[in-house]
Amino acid sequence: TTNVGPFTNQLIMGVAVSQQPNCFTGDVIIDAYLGSRYRVSGQGGGAFDLVAQVGGDVTAGTGGSLADISRSLPSPTSHTDVLGYTGGVD
């Protein structure tokens, strides 16, 4: 566990978990019946980060500077696939 801060007279905004884009490699396959298609043969990336913006120390006379903080998170042990969406009625 890594502590960040202290954030004296600062405002932490926009805290979120973000995922970096996945990278993949593949080949174009020619099928006599379906035509050409792309087959993915390798995948990587997709690391997760905890990110936030920190407003500057207004008492120090810095004019309201803004900084970003980011911490790496471990990847989840499982994943979720969305199979469909349903509407709700209030």
Protein backbone atom coordinates (compact mmCIF):
# COMPACT_ATOMS: atom_id res chain seq x y z
CA THR A 1 0.00 0.00 0.00
CA THR A 2 1.34 3.41 -0.99
CA ASN A 3 0.14 6.58 0.70
CA VAL A 4 -0.24 9.70 -1.41
CA GLY A 5 -0.38 13.16 0.04
CA PRO A 6 -0.84 14.98 2.34
CA PHE A 7 -3.32 17.10 0.43
CA THR A 8 -3.45 20.15 2.70
CA ASN A 9 -5.68 22.92 1.27
CA GLN A 10 -6.10 20.94 -1.95
CA LEU A 11 -9.16 19.55 -3.68
CA ILE A 12 -9.18 16.02 -5.17
CA MET A 13 -11.51 15.78 -8.17
CA GLY A 14 -12.44 13.29 -10.86
CA VAL A 15 -11.39 10.09 -9.09
CA ALA A 16 -11.87 7.18 -11.49
CA VAL A 17 -10.56 3.78 -12.49
CA SER A 18 -9.34 3.74 -16.08
CA GLN A 19 -8.23 0.92 -18.32
CA GLN A 20 -5.51 1.35 -20.90
CA PRO A 21 -6.41 0.19 -24.42
CA ASN A 22 -5.81 -3.44 -25.32
CA CYS A 23 -3.29 -4.20 -28.03
CA PHE A 24 -3.76 -7.09 -30.41
CA THR A 25 -2.16 -8.71 -33.42
CA GLY A 26 -3.71 -10.83 -36.10
CA ASP A 27 -3.94 -11.83 -39.74
CA VAL A 28 -6.37 -11.37 -42.61
CA ILE A 29 -7.88 -14.74 -43.51
CA ILE A 30 -9.44 -15.38 -46.91
CA ASP A 31 -12.47 -17.66 -46.75
CA ALA A 32 -13.98 -19.05 -49.97
CA TYR A 33 -17.53 -18.69 -48.61
CA LEU A 34 -17.37 -15.63 -46.33
CA GLY A 35 -14.65 -13.57 -48.00
CA SER A 36 -11.89 -11.92 -46.03
CA ARG A 37 -11.97 -11.56 -42.25
CA TYR A 38 -9.53 -10.59 -39.50
CA ARG A 39 -8.45 -13.24 -36.99
CA VAL A 40 -6.94 -12.06 -33.69
CA SER A 41 -3.92 -14.16 -32.74
CA GLY A 42 -2.51 -12.29 -29.73
CA GLN A 43 -3.67 -9.80 -27.13
CA GLY A 44 -1.97 -7.70 -24.47
CA GLY A 45 -2.22 -4.51 -22.45
CA GLY A 46 -5.35 -3.36 -20.68
CA ALA A 47 -3.70 -2.38 -17.38
CA PHE A 48 -5.87 -0.61 -14.78
CA ASP A 49 -5.05 2.69 -13.05
CA LEU A 50 -6.62 4.79 -10.31
CA VAL A 51 -6.49 8.41 -11.52
CA ALA A 52 -7.50 11.77 -10.06
CA GLN A 53 -6.89 15.49 -10.51
CA VAL A 54 -5.62 17.55 -7.57
CA GLY A 55 -6.29 21.28 -7.33
CA GLY A 56 -3.34 23.44 -6.20
CA ASP A 57 -2.74 24.95 -2.78
CA VAL A 58 -4.64 28.25 -2.94
CA THR A 59 -2.95 29.54 0.25
CA ALA A 60 0.51 29.31 -1.32
CA GLY A 61 -0.38 31.84 -4.05
CA THR A 62 0.26 29.42 -6.90
CA GLY A 63 -2.76 30.65 -8.85
CA GLY A 64 -4.69 27.39 -8.66
CA SER A 65 -2.37 24.85 -10.26
CA LEU A 66 -3.70 21.43 -11.29
CA ALA A 67 -1.85 18.12 -11.07
CA ASP A 68 -2.69 14.51 -11.88
CA ILE A 69 -2.07 11.50 -9.67
CA SER A 70 -2.10 7.94 -10.95
CA ARG A 71 -1.57 4.61 -9.23
CA SER A 72 -1.43 1.20 -10.89
CA LEU A 73 -4.06 -1.32 -9.83
CA PRO A 74 -3.88 -5.10 -10.10
CA SER A 75 -5.95 -6.60 -12.91
CA PRO A 76 -9.20 -8.25 -11.84
CA THR A 77 -9.11 -12.02 -11.44
CA SER A 78 -12.17 -12.40 -13.66
CA HIS A 79 -13.95 -10.38 -16.32
CA THR A 80 -17.53 -9.55 -17.20
CA ASP A 81 -19.06 -9.83 -20.66
CA VAL A 82 -22.13 -7.73 -21.43
CA LEU A 83 -24.59 -9.89 -23.33
CA GLY A 84 -27.32 -7.30 -23.75
CA TYR A 85 -29.02 -4.29 -22.33
CA THR A 86 -32.57 -3.96 -21.01
CA GLY A 87 -34.59 -0.87 -20.39
CA GLY A 88 -36.04 0.03 -17.03
CA VAL A 89 -39.45 1.43 -16.22
CA ASP A 90 -39.79 3.92 -13.38
